[in-house]
Amino acid sequence: MMTPSLGSRRAVEGLPSRAAPRSGGPGPVPAEDEELQMGKKGDGGTSAKLVTAVATAGGVFVLRKVMAAAWTKITGKEPPTDLAKPEVTLAEVLIWAVATGVIVEAAKFAIVRGTMRKSIAGADAEAS
């Protein structure tokens, strides 16, 4: 038979526990002299993230269209995106999945790194 711990006995008996009371807010409260970076104007963080998101979405969209055209030209069939079609084989699905996964993720990596370099270079130029 398991015996309840001291903390659970105190909670059951209505006694206060030894745990420190919570302050009510998540995380530490910043000091008065501490500058918060989130709302600082001109830091370029928000605009850089927006440019990265738009460039990634546009680049991936165009890349998938190019890959679909290349697949159609090479195989003579449409890419196997509709798995309910009976003429789609497992080999085609696996090849398409690996090819698109590797190429799209590599392109996303290159786009994010490229936009990060530009935003960092722009921030360094503004700082000096």
Protein backbone atom coordinates (compact mmCIF):
# COMPACT_ATOMS: atom_id res chain seq x y z
CA MET A 1 0.00 0.00 0.00
CA MET A 2 1.31 3.43 -0.95
CA THR A 3 1.42 6.13 1.65
CA PRO A 4 0.76 9.67 0.53
CA SER A 5 3.62 12.14 0.71
CA LEU A 6 3.70 14.98 3.20
CA GLY A 7 2.67 17.52 0.55
CA SER A 8 -0.37 15.53 -0.53
CA ARG A 9 -1.39 14.95 3.10
CA ARG A 10 -1.18 18.68 3.78
CA ALA A 11 -3.28 19.44 0.70
CA VAL A 12 -5.84 16.84 1.71
CA GLU A 13 -5.98 18.00 5.29
CA GLY A 14 -6.37 21.62 4.23
CA LEU A 15 -2.98 22.71 5.56
CA PRO A 16 -0.90 25.12 3.51
CA SER A 17 1.80 23.49 1.44
CA ARG A 18 5.48 24.44 1.62
CA ALA A 19 5.60 25.48 -2.06
CA ALA A 20 6.22 29.15 -2.79
CA PRO A 21 3.17 31.04 -3.97
CA ARG A 22 3.01 31.89 -7.65
CA SER A 23 3.29 35.54 -8.60
CA GLY A 24 0.45 35.18 -11.09
CA GLY A 25 2.43 35.95 -14.26
CA PRO A 26 4.33 33.60 -16.52
CA GLY A 27 8.06 34.14 -16.48
CA PRO A 28 10.21 36.78 -14.85
CA VAL A 29 9.25 40.43 -14.83
CA PRO A 30 11.76 42.61 -16.71
CA ALA A 31 13.64 45.23 -14.71
CA GLU A 32 12.77 48.89 -15.20
CA ASP A 33 16.07 49.69 -16.90
CA GLU A 34 15.91 46.62 -19.13
CA GLU A 35 15.12 47.51 -22.74
CA LEU A 36 12.71 45.18 -24.54
CA GLN A 37 13.80 44.42 -28.08
CA MET A 38 10.41 43.33 -29.41
CA GLY A 39 8.92 46.78 -29.71
CA LYS A 40 12.06 48.65 -30.71
CA LYS A 41 11.52 50.59 -33.92
CA GLY A 42 14.01 50.17 -36.71
CA ASP A 43 15.44 46.82 -35.63
CA GLY A 44 14.31 45.19 -38.89
CA GLY A 45 13.27 41.97 -37.17
CA THR A 46 9.64 42.04 -38.21
CA SER A 47 10.27 43.15 -41.77
CA ALA A 48 13.04 40.56 -42.20
CA LYS A 49 10.71 37.82 -41.00
CA LEU A 50 7.99 39.01 -43.36
CA VAL A 51 10.38 39.11 -46.32
CA THR A 52 11.63 35.63 -45.44
CA ALA A 53 8.10 34.23 -45.19
CA VAL A 54 6.97 35.77 -48.49
CA ALA A 55 10.16 34.73 -50.30
CA THR A 56 9.88 31.18 -48.95
CA ALA A 57 6.21 30.82 -49.89
CA GLY A 58 6.76 32.24 -53.38
CA GLY A 59 9.93 30.25 -53.98
CA VAL A 60 8.36 26.96 -52.88
CA PHE A 61 5.26 27.60 -55.02
CA VAL A 62 7.34 28.28 -58.14
CA LEU A 63 9.68 25.38 -57.40
CA ARG A 64 6.82 22.90 -57.06
CA LYS A 65 5.36 24.08 -60.38
CA VAL A 66 8.75 23.65 -62.07
CA MET A 67 9.18 20.20 -60.52
CA ALA A 68 5.70 19.15 -61.69
CA ALA A 69 6.51 20.31 -65.24
CA ALA A 70 9.83 18.44 -65.15
CA TRP A 71 8.12 15.27 -63.86
CA THR A 72 5.53 15.47 -66.65
CA LYS A 73 8.22 16.02 -69.28
CA ILE A 74 10.38 13.13 -68.03
CA THR A 75 7.68 10.52 -67.29
CA GLY A 76 4.88 11.63 -69.59
CA LYS A 77 2.47 11.50 -66.62
CA GLU A 78 1.25 14.01 -64.09
CA PRO A 79 2.96 13.97 -60.69
CA PRO A 80 1.44 11.42 -58.29
CA THR A 81 -0.32 13.87 -56.00
CA ASP A 82 -3.75 12.20 -56.10
CA LEU A 83 -3.25 8.88 -54.33
CA ALA A 84 -6.81 7.75 -55.03
CA LYS A 85 -6.06 7.24 -58.73
CA PRO A 86 -5.56 3.54 -59.47
CA GLU A 87 -2.78 4.15 -62.03
CA VAL A 88 -0.49 5.70 -59.38
CA THR A 89 2.15 3.21 -58.23
CA LEU A 90 3.96 3.06 -54.92
CA ALA A 91 7.33 3.54 -56.64
CA GLU A 92 6.13 6.77 -58.30
CA VAL A 93 4.75 8.09 -55.02
CA LEU A 94 8.00 7.36 -53.16
CA ILE A 95 10.21 8.90 -55.84
CA TRP A 96 8.00 12.03 -56.01
CA ALA A 97 7.93 12.34 -52.21
CA VAL A 98 11.69 12.04 -51.80
CA ALA A 99 12.46 14.34 -54.73
CA THR A 100 10.05 17.07 -53.66
CA GLY A 101 11.00 16.77 -50.00
CA VAL A 102 14.73 17.08 -50.57
CA ILE A 103 14.53 19.79 -53.22
CA VAL A 104 11.89 21.91 -51.48
CA GLU A 105 13.63 21.76 -48.09
CA ALA A 106 17.00 22.62 -49.66
CA ALA A 107 15.40 25.58 -51.44
CA LYS A 108 13.72 26.75 -48.23
CA PHE A 109 17.07 26.54 -46.45
CA ALA A 110 18.77 28.59 -49.18
CA ILE A 111 15.99 31.20 -49.21
CA VAL A 112 15.98 31.62 -45.43
CA ARG A 113 19.77 31.87 -45.26
CA GLY A 114 19.84 34.32 -48.16
CA THR A 115 17.26 36.62 -46.64
CA MET A 116 18.94 36.38 -43.23
CA ARG A 117 22.27 37.49 -44.69
CA LYS A 118 20.64 40.44 -46.41
CA SER A 119 18.77 41.51 -43.27
CA ILE A 120 21.91 41.18 -41.11
CA ALA A 121 23.98 43.12 -43.65
CA GLY A 122 21.30 45.82 -43.77
CA ALA A 123 21.20 46.05 -39.97
CA ASP A 124 25.00 46.30 -39.80
CA ALA A 125 24.99 49.09 -42.40
CA GLU A 126 22.35 51.03 -40.42
CA ALA A 127 24.29 50.62 -37.18
CA SER A 128 27.52 52.09 -38.55
